[in-house]
Amino acid sequence: MSRHPQLKSARRKCIEAARIKDVSGKRLRKWFQDLQTIITENEIKPENLYNVDESGFSIDDVEASQRIINAAIRQKFQAKPERQKWVTAIECISGDEQALPPLIIFKGENLSQQ
């Protein structure tokens, strides 16, 4: 690697292609400003404000954790189009720190045809 300064080792992180394309500091600041306006205008109390988040974990994807990337591009993220098996964890907590038990979702046994 020392002979090729344009290359470096990096951990690859897979995220949705839309997140690579659409997320910016400006958009995030606007979103939080709008949220604060709604909370203030509607006098929403912390105990009535909830944050729900989900995280997906691939259960059949075995990959090397290091990649060689072009250091000039500096992009470690790569969109991943192929299908995988996922386990989903859903977490929920209120503004006054009341947490609901996490929900874990595994692959279903039967696929709905509708």
PDB file of N, CA and C in Angstrom:
ATOM      1  N   MET A   1       0.817  -1.186   0.000  1.00  0.00           N
ATOM      2  CA  MET A   1       0.000   0.000   0.000  1.00  0.00           C
ATOM      3  C   MET A   1       0.870   1.264   0.000  1.00  0.00           C
ATOM      4  N   SER A   2       2.040   1.191   0.604  1.00  0.00           N
ATOM      5  CA  SER A   2       2.889   2.379   0.664  1.00  0.00           C
ATOM      6  C   SER A   2       3.370   2.797  -0.721  1.00  0.00           C
ATOM      7  N   ARG A   3       3.392   1.857  -1.675  1.00  0.00           N
ATOM      8  CA  ARG A   3       3.807   2.186  -3.042  1.00  0.00           C
ATOM      9  C   ARG A   3       2.701   2.858  -3.837  1.00  0.00           C
ATOM     10  N   HIS A   4       1.468   2.832  -3.309  1.00  0.00           N
ATOM     11  CA  HIS A   4       0.312   3.401  -4.011  1.00  0.00           C
ATOM     12  C   HIS A   4      -0.423   4.379  -3.094  1.00  0.00           C
ATOM     13  N   PRO A   5       0.030   5.638  -3.000  1.00  0.00           N
ATOM     14  CA  PRO A   5      -0.580   6.595  -2.065  1.00  0.00           C
ATOM     15  C   PRO A   5      -2.040   6.915  -2.378  1.00  0.00           C
ATOM     16  N   GLN A   6      -2.502   6.614  -3.600  1.00  0.00           N
ATOM     17  CA  GLN A   6      -3.892   6.889  -3.949  1.00  0.00           C
ATOM     18  C   GLN A   6      -4.840   5.840  -3.356  1.00  0.00           C
ATOM     19  N   LEU A   7      -4.299   4.766  -2.795  1.00  0.00           N
ATOM     20  CA  LEU A   7      -5.116   3.696  -2.209  1.00  0.00           C
ATOM     21  C   LEU A   7      -4.945   3.668  -0.704  1.00  0.00           C
ATOM     22  N   LYS A   8      -6.021   3.276  -0.013  1.00  0.00           N
ATOM     23  CA  LYS A   8      -5.926   3.078   1.425  1.00  0.00           C
ATOM     24  C   LYS A   8      -6.901   1.979   1.825  1.00  0.00           C
ATOM     25  N   SER A   9      -6.734   1.454   3.005  1.00  0.00           N
ATOM     26  CA  SER A   9      -7.605   0.413   3.532  1.00  0.00           C
ATOM     27  C   SER A   9      -8.734   1.079   4.320  1.00  0.00           C
ATOM     28  N   ALA A  10      -9.959   0.587   4.136  1.00  0.00           N
ATOM     29  CA  ALA A  10     -11.098   1.160   4.852  1.00  0.00           C
ATOM     30  C   ALA A  10     -12.136   0.082   5.093  1.00  0.00           C
ATOM     31  N   ARG A  11     -12.905   0.225   6.167  1.00  0.00           N
ATOM     32  CA  ARG A  11     -14.023  -0.672   6.425  1.00  0.00           C
ATOM     33  C   ARG A  11     -15.194  -0.217   5.584  1.00  0.00           C
ATOM     34  N   ARG A  12     -15.803  -1.145   4.868  1.00  0.00           N
ATOM     35  CA  ARG A  12     -16.956  -0.832   4.033  1.00  0.00           C
ATOM     36  C   ARG A  12     -18.203  -0.843   4.891  1.00  0.00           C
ATOM     37  N   LYS A  13     -19.069   0.141   4.698  1.00  0.00           N
ATOM     38  CA  LYS A  13     -20.334   0.225   5.404  1.00  0.00           C
ATOM     39  C   LYS A  13     -21.440   0.297   4.362  1.00  0.00           C
ATOM     40  N   CYS A  14     -22.341  -0.658   4.385  1.00  0.00           N
ATOM     41  CA  CYS A  14     -23.431  -0.676   3.411  1.00  0.00           C
ATOM     42  C   CYS A  14     -24.638   0.071   3.954  1.00  0.00           C
ATOM     43  N   ILE A  15     -25.136   1.013   3.167  1.00  0.00           N
ATOM     44  CA  ILE A  15     -26.353   1.738   3.505  1.00  0.00           C
ATOM     45  C   ILE A  15     -27.183   1.873   2.235  1.00  0.00           C
ATOM     46  N   GLU A  16     -28.432   2.290   2.419  1.00  0.00           N
ATOM     47  CA  GLU A  16     -29.315   2.435   1.271  1.00  0.00           C
ATOM     48  C   GLU A  16     -28.787   3.521   0.333  1.00  0.00           C
ATOM     49  N   ALA A  17     -28.942   3.299  -0.956  1.00  0.00           N
ATOM     50  CA  ALA A  17     -28.459   4.262  -1.955  1.00  0.00           C
ATOM     51  C   ALA A  17     -29.106   5.626  -1.768  1.00  0.00           C
ATOM     52  N   ALA A  18     -30.383   5.673  -1.358  1.00  0.00           N
ATOM     53  CA  ALA A  18     -31.079   6.949  -1.158  1.00  0.00           C
ATOM     54  C   ALA A  18     -30.422   7.774  -0.063  1.00  0.00           C
ATOM     55  N   ARG A  19     -29.893   7.113   0.961  1.00  0.00           N
ATOM     56  CA  ARG A  19     -29.227   7.852   2.039  1.00  0.00           C
ATOM     57  C   ARG A  19     -27.939   8.485   1.555  1.00  0.00           C
ATOM     58  N   ILE A  20     -27.218   7.800   0.697  1.00  0.00           N
ATOM     59  CA  ILE A  20     -25.983   8.374   0.151  1.00  0.00           C
ATOM     60  C   ILE A  20     -26.318   9.624  -0.643  1.00  0.00           C
ATOM     61  N   LYS A  21     -27.393   9.555  -1.410  1.00  0.00           N
ATOM     62  CA  LYS A  21     -27.762  10.624  -2.330  1.00  0.00           C
ATOM     63  C   LYS A  21     -28.426  11.817  -1.641  1.00  0.00           C
ATOM     64  N   ASP A  22     -29.315  11.567  -0.664  1.00  0.00           N
ATOM     65  CA  ASP A  22     -30.211  12.611  -0.186  1.00  0.00           C
ATOM     66  C   ASP A  22     -29.876  13.252   1.156  1.00  0.00           C
ATOM     67  N   VAL A  23     -28.945  12.743   1.924  1.00  0.00           N
ATOM     68  CA  VAL A  23     -28.676  13.298   3.243  1.00  0.00           C
ATOM     69  C   VAL A  23     -27.614  14.391   3.149  1.00  0.00           C
ATOM     70  N   SER A  24     -27.919  15.524   3.782  1.00  0.00           N
ATOM     71  CA  SER A  24     -26.950  16.617   3.851  1.00  0.00           C
ATOM     72  C   SER A  24     -27.155  17.350   5.179  1.00  0.00           C
ATOM     73  N   GLY A  25     -26.139  18.067   5.610  1.00  0.00           N
ATOM     74  CA  GLY A  25     -26.238  18.851   6.833  1.00  0.00           C
ATOM     75  C   GLY A  25     -27.366  19.865   6.766  1.00  0.00           C
ATOM     76  N   LYS A  26     -27.534  20.482   5.615  1.00  0.00           N
ATOM     77  CA  LYS A  26     -28.589  21.485   5.442  1.00  0.00           C
ATOM     78  C   LYS A  26     -29.972  20.863   5.626  1.00  0.00           C
ATOM     79  N   ARG A  27     -30.197  19.707   5.024  1.00  0.00           N
ATOM     80  CA  ARG A  27     -31.494  19.026   5.152  1.00  0.00           C
ATOM     81  C   ARG A  27     -31.760  18.602   6.593  1.00  0.00           C
ATOM     82  N   LEU A  28     -30.731  18.092   7.264  1.00  0.00           N
ATOM     83  CA  LEU A  28     -30.905  17.665   8.653  1.00  0.00           C
ATOM     84  C   LEU A  28     -31.217  18.848   9.562  1.00  0.00           C
ATOM     85  N   ARG A  29     -30.527  19.974   9.395  1.00  0.00           N
ATOM     86  CA  ARG A  29     -30.812  21.165  10.198  1.00  0.00           C
ATOM     87  C   ARG A  29     -32.240  21.640   9.986  1.00  0.00           C
ATOM     88  N   LYS A  30     -32.706  21.653   8.740  1.00  0.00           N
ATOM     89  CA  LYS A  30     -34.079  22.066   8.432  1.00  0.00           C
ATOM     90  C   LYS A  30     -35.085  21.128   9.094  1.00  0.00           C
ATOM     91  N   TRP A  31     -34.822  19.827   9.038  1.00  0.00           N
ATOM     92  CA  TRP A  31     -35.730  18.857   9.636  1.00  0.00           C
ATOM     93  C   TRP A  31     -35.866  19.104  11.134  1.00  0.00           C
ATOM     94  N   PHE A  32     -34.753  19.306  11.842  1.00  0.00           N
ATOM     95  CA  PHE A  32     -34.796  19.541  13.287  1.00  0.00           C
ATOM     96  C   PHE A  32     -35.426  20.891  13.619  1.00  0.00           C
ATOM     97  N   GLN A  33     -35.220  21.897  12.791  1.00  0.00           N
ATOM     98  CA  GLN A  33     -35.891  23.188  13.012  1.00  0.00           C
ATOM     99  C   GLN A  33     -37.399  23.036  12.865  1.00  0.00           C
ATOM    100  N   ASP A  34     -37.832  22.316  11.836  1.00  0.00           N
ATOM    101  CA  ASP A  34     -39.269  22.071  11.638  1.00  0.00           C
ATOM    102  C   ASP A  34     -39.856  21.279  12.801  1.00  0.00           C
ATOM    103  N   LEU A  35     -39.138  20.279  13.276  1.00  0.00           N
ATOM    104  CA  LEU A  35     -39.606  19.488  14.413  1.00  0.00           C
ATOM    105  C   LEU A  35     -39.779  20.370  15.643  1.00  0.00           C
ATOM    106  N   GLN A  36     -38.801  21.230  15.927  1.00  0.00           N
ATOM    107  CA  GLN A  36     -38.892  22.118  17.087  1.00  0.00           C
ATOM    108  C   GLN A  36     -40.076  23.067  16.958  1.00  0.00           C
ATOM    109  N   THR A  37     -40.347  23.553  15.760  1.00  0.00           N
ATOM    110  CA  THR A  37     -41.508  24.430  15.529  1.00  0.00           C
ATOM    111  C   THR A  37     -42.800  23.695  15.847  1.00  0.00           C
ATOM    112  N   ILE A  38     -42.936  22.464  15.387  1.00  0.00           N
ATOM    113  CA  ILE A  38     -44.149  21.674  15.634  1.00  0.00           C
ATOM    114  C   ILE A  38     -44.311  21.399  17.128  1.00  0.00           C
ATOM    115  N   ILE A  39     -43.233  21.046  17.816  1.00  0.00           N
ATOM    116  CA  ILE A  39     -43.298  20.781  19.257  1.00  0.00           C
ATOM    117  C   ILE A  39     -43.744  22.031  20.011  1.00  0.00           C
ATOM    118  N   THR A  40     -43.183  23.176  19.661  1.00  0.00           N
ATOM    119  CA  THR A  40     -43.523  24.428  20.325  1.00  0.00           C
ATOM    120  C   THR A  40     -44.953  24.851  20.033  1.00  0.00           C
ATOM    121  N   GLU A  41     -45.346  24.858  18.763  1.00  0.00           N
ATOM    122  CA  GLU A  41     -46.694  25.298  18.375  1.00  0.00           C
ATOM    123  C   GLU A  41     -47.787  24.427  18.987  1.00  0.00           C
ATOM    124  N   ASN A  42     -47.543  23.136  19.098  1.00  0.00           N
ATOM    125  CA  ASN A  42     -48.555  22.215  19.603  1.00  0.00           C
ATOM    126  C   ASN A  42     -48.369  21.863  21.074  1.00  0.00           C
ATOM    127  N   GLU A  43     -47.404  22.508  21.736  1.00  0.00           N
ATOM    128  CA  GLU A  43     -47.128  22.303  23.158  1.00  0.00           C
ATOM    129  C   GLU A  43     -47.029  20.822  23.509  1.00  0.00           C
ATOM    130  N   ILE A  44     -46.246  20.096  22.726  1.00  0.00           N
ATOM    131  CA  ILE A  44     -46.074  18.660  22.934  1.00  0.00           C
ATOM    132  C   ILE A  44     -45.142  18.441  24.120  1.00  0.00           C
ATOM    133  N   LYS A  45     -45.621  17.668  25.088  1.00  0.00           N
ATOM    134  CA  LYS A  45     -44.839  17.377  26.286  1.00  0.00           C
ATOM    135  C   LYS A  45     -43.852  16.237  25.979  1.00  0.00           C
ATOM    136  N   PRO A  46     -42.702  16.218  26.679  1.00  0.00           N
ATOM    137  CA  PRO A  46     -41.717  15.161  26.438  1.00  0.00           C
ATOM    138  C   PRO A  46     -42.279  13.749  26.577  1.00  0.00           C
ATOM    139  N   GLU A  47     -43.192  13.534  27.517  1.00  0.00           N
ATOM    140  CA  GLU A  47     -43.747  12.187  27.696  1.00  0.00           C
ATOM    141  C   GLU A  47     -44.659  11.764  26.552  1.00  0.00           C
ATOM    142  N   ASN A  48     -45.030  12.694  25.683  1.00  0.00           N
ATOM    143  CA  ASN A  48     -45.859  12.384  24.517  1.00  0.00           C
ATOM    144  C   ASN A  48     -45.075  12.391  23.208  1.00  0.00           C
ATOM    145  N   LEU A  49     -43.774  12.507  23.306  1.00  0.00           N
ATOM    146  CA  LEU A  49     -42.904  12.545  22.140  1.00  0.00           C
ATOM    147  C   LEU A  49     -42.053  11.277  22.135  1.00  0.00           C
ATOM    148  N   TYR A  50     -42.178  10.482  21.091  1.00  0.00           N
ATOM    149  CA  TYR A  50     -41.463   9.200  21.013  1.00  0.00           C
ATOM    150  C   TYR A  50     -40.527   9.164  19.813  1.00  0.00           C
ATOM    151  N   ASN A  51     -39.421   8.491  20.009  1.00  0.00           N
ATOM    152  CA  ASN A  51     -38.495   8.219  18.917  1.00  0.00           C
ATOM    153  C   ASN A  51     -38.479   6.709  18.702  1.00  0.00           C
ATOM    154  N   VAL A  52     -38.739   6.286  17.475  1.00  0.00           N
ATOM    155  CA  VAL A  52     -38.711   4.874  17.124  1.00  0.00           C
ATOM    156  C   VAL A  52     -37.629   4.691  16.068  1.00  0.00           C
ATOM    157  N   ASP A  53     -36.801   3.687  16.270  1.00  0.00           N
ATOM    158  CA  ASP A  53     -35.730   3.433  15.323  1.00  0.00           C
ATOM    159  C   ASP A  53     -35.654   1.938  15.058  1.00  0.00           C
ATOM    160  N   GLU A  54     -35.246   1.600  13.870  1.00  0.00           N
ATOM    161  CA  GLU A  54     -35.060   0.193  13.532  1.00  0.00           C
ATOM    162  C   GLU A  54     -33.666   0.004  12.978  1.00  0.00           C
ATOM    163  N   SER A  55     -33.132  -1.156  13.273  1.00  0.00           N
ATOM    164  CA  SER A  55     -31.827  -1.535  12.757  1.00  0.00           C
ATOM    165  C   SER A  55     -31.942  -2.924  12.161  1.00  0.00           C
ATOM    166  N   GLY A  56     -31.407  -3.098  10.971  1.00  0.00           N
ATOM    167  CA  GLY A  56     -31.430  -4.395  10.320  1.00  0.00           C
ATOM    168  C   GLY A  56     -30.064  -5.043  10.393  1.00  0.00           C
ATOM    169  N   PHE A  57     -30.065  -6.346  10.595  1.00  0.00           N
ATOM    170  CA  PHE A  57     -28.824  -7.099  10.669  1.00  0.00           C
ATOM    171  C   PHE A  57     -28.895  -8.247   9.687  1.00  0.00           C
ATOM    172  N   SER A  58     -27.974  -8.284   8.763  1.00  0.00           N
ATOM    173  CA  SER A  58     -27.913  -9.383   7.809  1.00  0.00           C
ATOM    174  C   SER A  58     -27.448 -10.637   8.534  1.00  0.00           C
ATOM    175  N   ILE A  59     -28.127 -11.760   8.269  1.00  0.00           N
ATOM    176  CA  ILE A  59     -27.748 -12.994   8.953  1.00  0.00           C
ATOM    177  C   ILE A  59     -27.097 -14.011   8.015  1.00  0.00           C
ATOM    178  N   ASP A  60     -26.976 -13.688   6.740  1.00  0.00           N
ATOM    179  CA  ASP A  60     -26.333 -14.653   5.847  1.00  0.00           C
ATOM    180  C   ASP A  60     -25.290 -14.005   4.945  1.00  0.00           C
ATOM    181  N   ASP A  61     -24.788 -12.869   5.336  1.00  0.00           N
ATOM    182  CA  ASP A  61     -23.816 -12.140   4.522  1.00  0.00           C
ATOM    183  C   ASP A  61     -22.447 -12.208   5.189  1.00  0.00           C
ATOM    184  N   VAL A  62     -21.546 -12.965   4.615  1.00  0.00           N
ATOM    185  CA  VAL A  62     -20.198 -13.066   5.154  1.00  0.00           C
ATOM    186  C   VAL A  62     -19.268 -12.346   4.190  1.00  0.00           C
ATOM    187  N   GLU A  63     -18.624 -11.298   4.694  1.00  0.00           N
ATOM    188  CA  GLU A  63     -17.735 -10.507   3.854  1.00  0.00           C
ATOM    189  C   GLU A  63     -16.452 -10.198   4.603  1.00  0.00           C
ATOM    190  N   ALA A  64     -15.421  -9.887   3.881  1.00  0.00           N
ATOM    191  CA  ALA A  64     -14.203  -9.381   4.507  1.00  0.00           C
ATOM    192  C   ALA A  64     -14.506  -7.990   5.040  1.00  0.00           C
ATOM    193  N   SER A  65     -13.906  -7.633   6.156  1.00  0.00           N
ATOM    194  CA  SER A  65     -14.213  -6.350   6.770  1.00  0.00           C
ATOM    195  C   SER A  65     -13.380  -5.201   6.213  1.00  0.00           C
ATOM    196  N   GLN A  66     -12.351  -5.486   5.459  1.00  0.00           N
ATOM    197  CA  GLN A  66     -11.490  -4.440   4.910  1.00  0.00           C
ATOM    198  C   GLN A  66     -11.574  -4.436   3.397  1.00  0.00           C
ATOM    199  N   ARG A  67     -11.511  -3.247   2.800  1.00  0.00           N
ATOM    200  CA  ARG A  67     -11.508  -3.076   1.356  1.00  0.00           C
ATOM    201  C   ARG A  67     -10.386  -2.104   0.991  1.00  0.00           C
ATOM    202  N   ILE A  68      -9.908  -2.197  -0.221  1.00  0.00           N
ATOM    203  CA  ILE A  68      -8.957  -1.222  -0.743  1.00  0.00           C
ATOM    204  C   ILE A  68      -9.777  -0.251  -1.584  1.00  0.00           C
ATOM    205  N   ILE A  69      -9.693   1.039  -1.256  1.00  0.00           N
ATOM    206  CA  ILE A  69     -10.493   2.049  -1.945  1.00  0.00           C
ATOM    207  C   ILE A  69      -9.585   3.160  -2.457  1.00  0.00           C
ATOM    208  N   ASN A  70     -10.103   3.947  -3.384  1.00  0.00           N
ATOM    209  CA  ASN A  70      -9.382   5.106  -3.895  1.00  0.00           C
ATOM    210  C   ASN A  70      -9.470   6.206  -2.847  1.00  0.00           C
ATOM    211  N   ALA A  71      -8.353   6.632  -2.294  1.00  0.00           N
ATOM    212  CA  ALA A  71      -8.327   7.628  -1.228  1.00  0.00           C
ATOM    213  C   ALA A  71      -8.845   8.983  -1.688  1.00  0.00           C
ATOM    214  N   ALA A  72      -8.755   9.278  -2.973  1.00  0.00           N
ATOM    215  CA  ALA A  72      -9.228  10.571  -3.483  1.00  0.00           C
ATOM    216  C   ALA A  72     -10.747  10.663  -3.428  1.00  0.00           C
ATOM    217  N   ILE A  73     -11.440   9.543  -3.616  1.00  0.00           N
ATOM    218  CA  ILE A  73     -12.904   9.560  -3.597  1.00  0.00           C
ATOM    219  C   ILE A  73     -13.426   9.668  -2.171  1.00  0.00           C
ATOM    220  N   ARG A  74     -12.789   9.012  -1.224  1.00  0.00           N
ATOM    221  CA  ARG A  74     -13.121   9.058   0.196  1.00  0.00           C
ATOM    222  C   ARG A  74     -14.538   8.572   0.496  1.00  0.00           C
ATOM    223  N   GLN A  75     -15.075   7.725  -0.314  1.00  0.00           N
ATOM    224  CA  GLN A  75     -16.411   7.189  -0.065  1.00  0.00           C
ATOM    225  C   GLN A  75     -16.288   5.737   0.358  1.00  0.00           C
ATOM    226  N   LYS A  76     -16.663   5.461   1.602  1.00  0.00           N
ATOM    227  CA  LYS A  76     -16.578   4.109   2.136  1.00  0.00           C
ATOM    228  C   LYS A  76     -17.895   3.364   1.957  1.00  0.00           C
ATOM    229  N   PHE A  77     -18.965   4.077   1.679  1.00  0.00           N
ATOM    230  CA  PHE A  77     -20.277   3.458   1.577  1.00  0.00           C
ATOM    231  C   PHE A  77     -20.498   2.882   0.193  1.00  0.00           C
ATOM    232  N   GLN A  78     -21.208   1.788   0.145  1.00  0.00           N
ATOM    233  CA  GLN A  78     -21.503   1.149  -1.127  1.00  0.00           C
ATOM    234  C   GLN A  78     -22.928   0.640  -1.073  1.00  0.00           C
ATOM    235  N   ALA A  79     -23.732   1.005  -2.053  1.00  0.00           N
ATOM    236  CA  ALA A  79     -25.097   0.494  -2.130  1.00  0.00           C
ATOM    237  C   ALA A  79     -25.041  -0.993  -2.416  1.00  0.00           C
ATOM    238  N   LYS A  80     -25.925  -1.730  -1.794  1.00  0.00           N
ATOM    239  CA  LYS A  80     -25.880  -3.183  -1.917  1.00  0.00           C
ATOM    240  C   LYS A  80     -27.220  -3.677  -2.436  1.00  0.00           C
ATOM    241  N   PRO A  81     -27.330  -4.014  -3.713  1.00  0.00           N
ATOM    242  CA  PRO A  81     -28.611  -4.339  -4.309  1.00  0.00           C
ATOM    243  C   PRO A  81     -29.115  -5.756  -4.067  1.00  0.00           C
ATOM    244  N   GLU A  82     -28.236  -6.713  -3.791  1.00  0.00           N
ATOM    245  CA  GLU A  82     -28.701  -8.093  -3.723  1.00  0.00           C
ATOM    246  C   GLU A  82     -29.552  -8.354  -2.481  1.00  0.00           C
ATOM    247  N   ARG A  83     -30.385  -9.383  -2.557  1.00  0.00           N
ATOM    248  CA  ARG A  83     -31.284  -9.740  -1.460  1.00  0.00           C
ATOM    249  C   ARG A  83     -30.519 -10.530  -0.399  1.00  0.00           C
ATOM    250  N   GLN A  84     -30.904 -10.288   0.852  1.00  0.00           N
ATOM    251  CA  GLN A  84     -30.299 -10.974   1.977  1.00  0.00           C
ATOM    252  C   GLN A  84     -31.385 -11.349   2.970  1.00  0.00           C
ATOM    253  N   LYS A  85     -31.024 -12.165   3.943  1.00  0.00           N
ATOM    254  CA  LYS A  85     -31.929 -12.472   5.050  1.00  0.00           C
ATOM    255  C   LYS A  85     -31.590 -11.512   6.176  1.00  0.00           C
ATOM    256  N   TRP A  86     -32.633 -10.886   6.736  1.00  0.00           N
ATOM    257  CA  TRP A  86     -32.431  -9.865   7.756  1.00  0.00           C
ATOM    258  C   TRP A  86     -33.187 -10.188   9.032  1.00  0.00           C
ATOM    259  N   VAL A  87     -32.635  -9.748  10.142  1.00  0.00           N
ATOM    260  CA  VAL A  87     -33.324  -9.694  11.424  1.00  0.00           C
ATOM    261  C   VAL A  87     -33.424  -8.208  11.735  1.00  0.00           C
ATOM    262  N   THR A  88     -34.609  -7.761  12.163  1.00  0.00           N
ATOM    263  CA  THR A  88     -34.824  -6.347  12.441  1.00  0.00           C
ATOM    264  C   THR A  88     -35.063  -6.138  13.929  1.00  0.00           C
ATOM    265  N   ALA A  89     -34.412  -5.141  14.509  1.00  0.00           N
ATOM    266  CA  ALA A  89     -34.636  -4.753  15.899  1.00  0.00           C
ATOM    267  C   ALA A  89     -35.270  -3.372  15.891  1.00  0.00           C
ATOM    268  N   ILE A  90     -36.378  -3.214  16.631  1.00  0.00           N
ATOM    269  CA  ILE A  90     -37.065  -1.925  16.722  1.00  0.00           C
ATOM    270  C   ILE A  90     -36.995  -1.454  18.172  1.00  0.00           C
ATOM    271  N   GLU A  91     -36.518  -0.227  18.358  1.00  0.00           N
ATOM    272  CA  GLU A  91     -36.388   0.366  19.681  1.00  0.00           C
ATOM    273  C   GLU A  91     -37.258   1.612  19.757  1.00  0.00           C
ATOM    274  N   CYS A  92     -37.820   1.899  20.942  1.00  0.00           N
ATOM    275  CA  CYS A  92     -38.693   3.065  21.112  1.00  0.00           C
ATOM    276  C   CYS A  92     -38.463   3.663  22.500  1.00  0.00           C
ATOM    277  N   ILE A  93     -38.272   4.994  22.542  1.00  0.00           N
ATOM    278  CA  ILE A  93     -38.075   5.691  23.815  1.00  0.00           C
ATOM    279  C   ILE A  93     -38.769   7.044  23.743  1.00  0.00           C
ATOM    280  N   SER A  94     -39.322   7.482  24.875  1.00  0.00           N
ATOM    281  CA  SER A  94     -40.023   8.763  24.904  1.00  0.00           C
ATOM    282  C   SER A  94     -39.077   9.876  25.331  1.00  0.00           C
ATOM    283  N   GLY A  95     -39.551  11.117  25.192  1.00  0.00           N
ATOM    284  CA  GLY A  95     -38.754  12.285  25.550  1.00  0.00           C
ATOM    285  C   GLY A  95     -38.450  12.363  27.029  1.00  0.00           C
ATOM    286  N   ASP A  96     -39.237  11.668  27.880  1.00  0.00           N
ATOM    287  CA  ASP A  96     -38.939  11.644  29.313  1.00  0.00           C
ATOM    288  C   ASP A  96     -38.223  10.348  29.708  1.00  0.00           C
ATOM    289  N   GLU A  97     -37.591   9.696  28.730  1.00  0.00           N
ATOM    290  CA  GLU A  97     -36.708   8.544  28.901  1.00  0.00           C
ATOM    291  C   GLU A  97     -37.433   7.256  29.298  1.00  0.00           C
ATOM    292  N   GLN A  98     -38.712   7.140  28.994  1.00  0.00           N
ATOM    293  CA  GLN A  98     -39.437   5.885  29.204  1.00  0.00           C
ATOM    294  C   GLN A  98     -39.207   5.011  27.974  1.00  0.00           C
ATOM    295  N   ALA A  99     -38.582   3.865  28.168  1.00  0.00           N
ATOM    296  CA  ALA A  99     -38.264   2.982  27.044  1.00  0.00           C
ATOM    297  C   ALA A  99     -39.249   1.821  26.984  1.00  0.00           C
ATOM    298  N   LEU A 100     -39.684   1.483  25.784  1.00  0.00           N
ATOM    299  CA  LEU A 100     -40.488   0.289  25.572  1.00  0.00           C
ATOM    300  C   LEU A 100     -39.546  -0.889  25.326  1.00  0.00           C
ATOM    301  N   PRO A 101     -39.975  -2.108  25.654  1.00  0.00           N
ATOM    302  CA  PRO A 101     -39.110  -3.257  25.363  1.00  0.00           C
ATOM    303  C   PRO A 101     -38.839  -3.342  23.856  1.00  0.00           C
ATOM    304  N   PRO A 102     -37.631  -3.734  23.448  1.00  0.00           N
ATOM    305  CA  PRO A 102     -37.328  -3.828  22.017  1.00  0.00           C
ATOM    306  C   PRO A 102     -38.142  -4.936  21.359  1.00  0.00           C
ATOM    307  N   LEU A 103     -38.405  -4.762  20.083  1.00  0.00           N
ATOM    308  CA  LEU A 103     -39.119  -5.750  19.285  1.00  0.00           C
ATOM    309  C   LEU A 103     -38.126  -6.317  18.277  1.00  0.00           C
ATOM    310  N   ILE A 104     -38.009  -7.635  18.229  1.00  0.00           N
ATOM    311  CA  ILE A 104     -37.109  -8.305  17.296  1.00  0.00           C
ATOM    312  C   ILE A 104     -37.961  -9.045  16.273  1.00  0.00           C
ATOM    313  N   ILE A 105     -37.709  -8.798  14.992  1.00  0.00           N
ATOM    314  CA  ILE A 105     -38.482  -9.412  13.913  1.00  0.00           C
ATOM    315  C   ILE A 105     -37.576 -10.326  13.100  1.00  0.00           C
ATOM    316  N   PHE A 106     -37.969 -11.595  13.021  1.00  0.00           N
ATOM    317  CA  PHE A 106     -37.240 -12.578  12.224  1.00  0.00           C
ATOM    318  C   PHE A 106     -38.025 -12.859  10.952  1.00  0.00           C
ATOM    319  N   LYS A 107     -37.409 -13.541  10.025  1.00  0.00           N
ATOM    320  CA  LYS A 107     -38.066 -13.920   8.780  1.00  0.00           C
ATOM    321  C   LYS A 107     -39.306 -14.761   9.087  1.00  0.00           C
ATOM    322  N   GLY A 108     -40.402 -14.447   8.395  1.00  0.00           N
ATOM    323  CA  GLY A 108     -41.650 -15.174   8.602  1.00  0.00           C
ATOM    324  C   GLY A 108     -41.619 -16.575   8.003  1.00  0.00           C
ATOM    325  N   GLU A 109     -42.475 -17.421   8.531  1.00  0.00           N
ATOM    326  CA  GLU A 109     -42.602 -18.781   8.014  1.00  0.00           C
ATOM    327  C   GLU A 109     -43.460 -18.819   6.758  1.00  0.00           C
ATOM    328  N   ASN A 110     -44.482 -17.959   6.698  1.00  0.00           N
ATOM    329  CA  ASN A 110     -45.408 -17.935   5.570  1.00  0.00           C
ATOM    330  C   ASN A 110     -45.383 -16.562   4.929  1.00  0.00           C
ATOM    331  N   LEU A 111     -45.405 -16.510   3.622  1.00  0.00           N
ATOM    332  CA  LEU A 111     -45.405 -15.259   2.886  1.00  0.00           C
ATOM    333  C   LEU A 111     -46.823 -14.916   2.456  1.00  0.00           C
ATOM    334  N   SER A 112     -47.285 -13.724   2.838  1.00  0.00           N
ATOM    335  CA  SER A 112     -48.613 -13.280   2.434  1.00  0.00           C
ATOM    336  C   SER A 112     -48.619 -13.020   0.937  1.00  0.00           C
ATOM    337  N   GLN A 113     -49.653 -13.491   0.260  1.00  0.00           N
ATOM    338  CA  GLN A 113     -49.751 -13.305  -1.190  1.00  0.00           C
ATOM    339  C   GLN A 113     -50.432 -11.989  -1.560  1.00  0.00           C
ATOM    340  N   GLN A 114     -50.874 -11.214  -0.574  1.00  0.00           N
ATOM    341  CA  GLN A 114     -51.585  -9.960  -0.857  1.00  0.00           C
ATOM    342  C   GLN A 114     -50.675  -8.775  -0.741  1.00  0.00           C
TER     343      GLN A 114
END
